[in-house]
Amino acid sequence: MESSTKTYQRDLKILFRDADPAGIMYFAHLFSFAHDTFEAFIVEAGVPWNDWFRTNKHFVPIRHAEADYLSPFFPGETYQVNTQVESLSESTFCMRYTFSQKDKTHAVVKMAHTFVDPKSKQKAKIPVELRQRLEPYLIQKSSALHEKAVK
């Protein structure tokens, strides 16, 4: 399965405003960069932006987020973000964002998103058409993050 997995990739330039006084990217910005990448990813996967972010058919909150910081990010530098779906269940999917530069991984962010019915506020099944958009990017069937997120 992994050999045919699609990856969404984009470049990210760290700006001066993204740095702390030490001249290193402020750690919390990594989650914003990951979510910005998700917004571009979902469109690339074939879901119009408004259909995902401006709908009342379902809510898709982030239930869990984590980051491993492996090497610092510096303003003025460009990094690549590789995006894949790490796991997919009935109601939850987990995204994986790998930030790298010149074959060196600087950080990995994982975010678990769960579909919620807007009326009952209970977990809901991922709609078939959206599942079909996510599946080509799926790298594995289960993960510790996914198991932690759905409990």
C-alpha atoms as a PDB file:
ATOM      1  CA  MET A   1       0.000   0.000   0.000  1.00  0.00           C
ATOM      2  CA  GLU A   2       2.735   2.466   0.940  1.00  0.00           C
ATOM      3  CA  SER A   3       4.379   2.416  -2.516  1.00  0.00           C
ATOM      4  CA  SER A   4       1.234   3.866  -4.139  1.00  0.00           C
ATOM      5  CA  THR A   5       0.507   6.425  -1.438  1.00  0.00           C
ATOM      6  CA  LYS A   6       0.180   9.980  -2.676  1.00  0.00           C
ATOM      7  CA  THR A   7       1.964  12.832  -0.901  1.00  0.00           C
ATOM      8  CA  TYR A   8       0.952  16.457  -0.999  1.00  0.00           C
ATOM      9  CA  GLN A   9       4.031  18.685  -0.934  1.00  0.00           C
ATOM     10  CA  ARG A  10       4.451  22.423  -0.580  1.00  0.00           C
ATOM     11  CA  ASP A  11       7.242  24.833   0.221  1.00  0.00           C
ATOM     12  CA  LEU A  12       7.177  26.998   3.329  1.00  0.00           C
ATOM     13  CA  LYS A  13       9.367  30.054   3.815  1.00  0.00           C
ATOM     14  CA  ILE A  14       9.910  31.102   7.420  1.00  0.00           C
ATOM     15  CA  LEU A  15       9.516  34.855   7.774  1.00  0.00           C
ATOM     16  CA  PHE A  16      11.230  37.228  10.208  1.00  0.00           C
ATOM     17  CA  ARG A  17       7.950  37.675  12.085  1.00  0.00           C
ATOM     18  CA  ASP A  18       7.843  33.901  12.740  1.00  0.00           C
ATOM     19  CA  ALA A  19      11.009  33.992  14.862  1.00  0.00           C
ATOM     20  CA  ASP A  20      11.564  34.525  18.561  1.00  0.00           C
ATOM     21  CA  PRO A  21      14.252  36.910  19.916  1.00  0.00           C
ATOM     22  CA  ALA A  22      16.873  34.151  19.519  1.00  0.00           C
ATOM     23  CA  GLY A  23      16.264  34.116  15.750  1.00  0.00           C
ATOM     24  CA  ILE A  24      14.616  30.690  15.740  1.00  0.00           C
ATOM     25  CA  MET A  25      11.030  30.004  14.653  1.00  0.00           C
ATOM     26  CA  TYR A  26       8.652  30.288  17.616  1.00  0.00           C
ATOM     27  CA  PHE A  27       7.537  26.715  18.333  1.00  0.00           C
ATOM     28  CA  ALA A  28       3.774  27.324  18.299  1.00  0.00           C
ATOM     29  CA  HIS A  29       3.863  28.562  14.700  1.00  0.00           C
ATOM     30  CA  LEU A  30       4.473  24.994  13.576  1.00  0.00           C
ATOM     31  CA  PHE A  31       0.827  24.108  14.268  1.00  0.00           C
ATOM     32  CA  SER A  32      -0.357  27.112  12.217  1.00  0.00           C
ATOM     33  CA  PHE A  33       1.920  26.067   9.356  1.00  0.00           C
ATOM     34  CA  ALA A  34       0.546  22.527   9.519  1.00  0.00           C
ATOM     35  CA  HIS A  35      -3.046  23.771   9.437  1.00  0.00           C
ATOM     36  CA  ASP A  36      -2.258  26.152   6.557  1.00  0.00           C
ATOM     37  CA  THR A  37      -0.871  23.121   4.733  1.00  0.00           C
ATOM     38  CA  PHE A  38      -4.041  21.166   5.522  1.00  0.00           C
ATOM     39  CA  GLU A  39      -6.139  23.903   3.903  1.00  0.00           C
ATOM     40  CA  ALA A  40      -4.092  23.594   0.698  1.00  0.00           C
ATOM     41  CA  PHE A  41      -4.035  19.779   0.933  1.00  0.00           C
ATOM     42  CA  ILE A  42      -7.808  19.373   1.165  1.00  0.00           C
ATOM     43  CA  VAL A  43      -8.269  21.455  -2.005  1.00  0.00           C
ATOM     44  CA  GLU A  44      -5.544  19.450  -3.777  1.00  0.00           C
ATOM     45  CA  ALA A  45      -7.383  16.276  -2.714  1.00  0.00           C
ATOM     46  CA  GLY A  46     -10.416  17.524  -4.640  1.00  0.00           C
ATOM     47  CA  VAL A  47     -12.579  19.076  -1.939  1.00  0.00           C
ATOM     48  CA  PRO A  48     -13.523  22.718  -2.608  1.00  0.00           C
ATOM     49  CA  TRP A  49     -12.401  24.931   0.293  1.00  0.00           C
ATOM     50  CA  ASN A  50     -15.951  26.147   1.031  1.00  0.00           C
ATOM     51  CA  ASP A  51     -17.270  22.558   1.051  1.00  0.00           C
ATOM     52  CA  TRP A  52     -14.849  21.721   3.875  1.00  0.00           C
ATOM     53  CA  PHE A  53     -14.597  24.909   5.905  1.00  0.00           C
ATOM     54  CA  ARG A  54     -17.934  26.627   5.326  1.00  0.00           C
ATOM     55  CA  THR A  55     -20.427  23.846   5.661  1.00  0.00           C
ATOM     56  CA  ASN A  56     -23.016  23.032   8.283  1.00  0.00           C
ATOM     57  CA  LYS A  57     -23.272  19.368   7.205  1.00  0.00           C
ATOM     58  CA  HIS A  58     -20.522  18.347   9.604  1.00  0.00           C
ATOM     59  CA  PHE A  59     -17.909  19.701  11.976  1.00  0.00           C
ATOM     60  CA  VAL A  60     -14.346  18.371  11.896  1.00  0.00           C
ATOM     61  CA  PRO A  61     -12.539  19.563  15.032  1.00  0.00           C
ATOM     62  CA  ILE A  62      -8.963  18.614  15.813  1.00  0.00           C
ATOM     63  CA  ARG A  63      -9.128  16.186  18.749  1.00  0.00           C
ATOM     64  CA  HIS A  64      -5.425  15.701  19.221  1.00  0.00           C
ATOM     65  CA  ALA A  65      -2.248  17.405  18.017  1.00  0.00           C
ATOM     66  CA  GLU A  66       1.403  16.675  18.673  1.00  0.00           C
ATOM     67  CA  ALA A  67       4.761  17.773  17.320  1.00  0.00           C
ATOM     68  CA  ASP A  68       8.279  16.443  17.439  1.00  0.00           C
ATOM     69  CA  TYR A  69      10.835  19.205  16.971  1.00  0.00           C
ATOM     70  CA  LEU A  70      14.024  17.661  15.614  1.00  0.00           C
ATOM     71  CA  SER A  71      16.006  20.647  14.344  1.00  0.00           C
ATOM     72  CA  PRO A  72      15.481  24.434  14.474  1.00  0.00           C
ATOM     73  CA  PHE A  73      13.814  26.505  11.747  1.00  0.00           C
ATOM     74  CA  PHE A  74      15.380  29.827  10.748  1.00  0.00           C
ATOM     75  CA  PRO A  75      13.850  32.942   9.148  1.00  0.00           C
ATOM     76  CA  GLY A  76      14.673  33.374   5.482  1.00  0.00           C
ATOM     77  CA  GLU A  77      14.962  29.616   4.951  1.00  0.00           C
ATOM     78  CA  THR A  78      12.581  27.508   2.865  1.00  0.00           C
ATOM     79  CA  TYR A  79      11.384  24.102   4.046  1.00  0.00           C
ATOM     80  CA  GLN A  80       9.351  21.398   2.346  1.00  0.00           C
ATOM     81  CA  VAL A  81       6.173  20.090   3.952  1.00  0.00           C
ATOM     82  CA  ASN A  82       5.139  16.566   2.958  1.00  0.00           C
ATOM     83  CA  THR A  83       1.556  15.761   3.893  1.00  0.00           C
ATOM     84  CA  GLN A  84      -0.146  12.383   4.147  1.00  0.00           C
ATOM     85  CA  VAL A  85      -3.043  10.742   5.944  1.00  0.00           C
ATOM     86  CA  GLU A  86      -1.518   8.589   8.669  1.00  0.00           C
ATOM     87  CA  SER A  87      -4.688   6.701   9.582  1.00  0.00           C
ATOM     88  CA  LEU A  88      -8.368   6.603   8.770  1.00  0.00           C
ATOM     89  CA  SER A  89     -11.206   5.104  10.800  1.00  0.00           C
ATOM     90  CA  GLU A  90     -14.985   5.333  10.722  1.00  0.00           C
ATOM     91  CA  SER A  91     -15.094   8.878  12.144  1.00  0.00           C
ATOM     92  CA  THR A  92     -11.477  10.015  12.593  1.00  0.00           C
ATOM     93  CA  PHE A  93      -8.495  10.591  10.365  1.00  0.00           C
ATOM     94  CA  CYS A  94      -4.978  11.579  11.369  1.00  0.00           C
ATOM     95  CA  MET A  95      -2.774  13.819   9.255  1.00  0.00           C
ATOM     96  CA  ARG A  96       1.033  13.717   9.238  1.00  0.00           C
ATOM     97  CA  TYR A  97       3.104  16.749   8.236  1.00  0.00           C
ATOM     98  CA  THR A  98       6.846  16.245   7.800  1.00  0.00           C
ATOM     99  CA  PHE A  99       8.854  19.472   7.628  1.00  0.00           C
ATOM    100  CA  SER A 100      12.265  19.038   6.027  1.00  0.00           C
ATOM    101  CA  GLN A 101      15.086  20.834   4.290  1.00  0.00           C
ATOM    102  CA  LYS A 102      17.792  19.215   2.145  1.00  0.00           C
ATOM    103  CA  ASP A 103      16.803  15.677   3.215  1.00  0.00           C
ATOM    104  CA  LYS A 104      16.939  16.605   6.919  1.00  0.00           C
ATOM    105  CA  THR A 105      13.708  16.345   8.916  1.00  0.00           C
ATOM    106  CA  HIS A 106      13.160  19.375  11.144  1.00  0.00           C
ATOM    107  CA  ALA A 107       9.771  18.472  12.617  1.00  0.00           C
ATOM    108  CA  VAL A 108       6.820  16.114  12.372  1.00  0.00           C
ATOM    109  CA  VAL A 109       3.303  17.246  13.256  1.00  0.00           C
ATOM    110  CA  LYS A 110       0.342  14.902  13.663  1.00  0.00           C
ATOM    111  CA  MET A 111      -3.255  16.048  13.979  1.00  0.00           C
ATOM    112  CA  ALA A 112      -6.322  13.873  14.557  1.00  0.00           C
ATOM    113  CA  HIS A 113      -9.589  15.219  13.093  1.00  0.00           C
ATOM    114  CA  THR A 114     -12.968  13.751  14.057  1.00  0.00           C
ATOM    115  CA  PHE A 115     -16.234  14.216  12.210  1.00  0.00           C
ATOM    116  CA  VAL A 116     -19.029  15.444  14.476  1.00  0.00           C
ATOM    117  CA  ASP A 117     -22.735  15.738  13.775  1.00  0.00           C
ATOM    118  CA  PRO A 118     -23.599  19.449  14.174  1.00  0.00           C
ATOM    119  CA  LYS A 119     -26.957  18.726  15.839  1.00  0.00           C
ATOM    120  CA  SER A 120     -26.128  15.931  18.285  1.00  0.00           C
ATOM    121  CA  LYS A 121     -22.455  16.936  18.804  1.00  0.00           C
ATOM    122  CA  GLN A 122     -21.634  13.206  18.644  1.00  0.00           C
ATOM    123  CA  LYS A 123     -19.056  11.468  16.469  1.00  0.00           C
ATOM    124  CA  ALA A 124     -20.259  10.893  12.922  1.00  0.00           C
ATOM    125  CA  LYS A 125     -19.076   8.720  10.067  1.00  0.00           C
ATOM    126  CA  ILE A 126     -16.722  10.291   7.566  1.00  0.00           C
ATOM    127  CA  PRO A 127     -18.875  10.876   4.463  1.00  0.00           C
ATOM    128  CA  VAL A 128     -18.065   8.393   1.690  1.00  0.00           C
ATOM    129  CA  GLU A 129     -17.091  11.065  -0.835  1.00  0.00           C
ATOM    130  CA  LEU A 130     -14.668  12.690   1.633  1.00  0.00           C
ATOM    131  CA  ARG A 131     -13.204   9.316   2.645  1.00  0.00           C
ATOM    132  CA  GLN A 132     -12.525   8.637  -1.037  1.00  0.00           C
ATOM    133  CA  ARG A 133     -10.608  11.935  -1.254  1.00  0.00           C
ATOM    134  CA  LEU A 134      -8.442  11.043   1.767  1.00  0.00           C
ATOM    135  CA  GLU A 135      -7.708   7.376   0.969  1.00  0.00           C
ATOM    136  CA  PRO A 136      -5.111   7.951  -1.800  1.00  0.00           C
ATOM    137  CA  TYR A 137      -2.933   9.749   0.788  1.00  0.00           C
ATOM    138  CA  LEU A 138      -3.264   7.002   3.440  1.00  0.00           C
ATOM    139  CA  ILE A 139       0.104   5.583   4.554  1.00  0.00           C
ATOM    140  CA  GLN A 140      -1.069   2.995   7.090  1.00  0.00           C
ATOM    141  CA  LYS A 141      -4.206   1.516   8.564  1.00  0.00           C
ATOM    142  CA  SER A 142      -3.615   2.299  12.265  1.00  0.00           C
ATOM    143  CA  SER A 143      -1.333   4.288  14.528  1.00  0.00           C
ATOM    144  CA  ALA A 144      -0.854   5.046  18.191  1.00  0.00           C
ATOM    145  CA  LEU A 145      -2.008   8.646  17.632  1.00  0.00           C
ATOM    146  CA  HIS A 146      -5.180   7.436  15.963  1.00  0.00           C
ATOM    147  CA  GLU A 147      -5.915   4.952  18.741  1.00  0.00           C
ATOM    148  CA  LYS A 148      -5.312   7.670  21.350  1.00  0.00           C
ATOM    149  CA  ALA A 149      -7.536  10.147  19.501  1.00  0.00           C
ATOM    150  CA  VAL A 150     -10.582   7.900  19.115  1.00  0.00           C
ATOM    151  CA  LYS A 151     -10.766   6.787  22.749  1.00  0.00           C
END
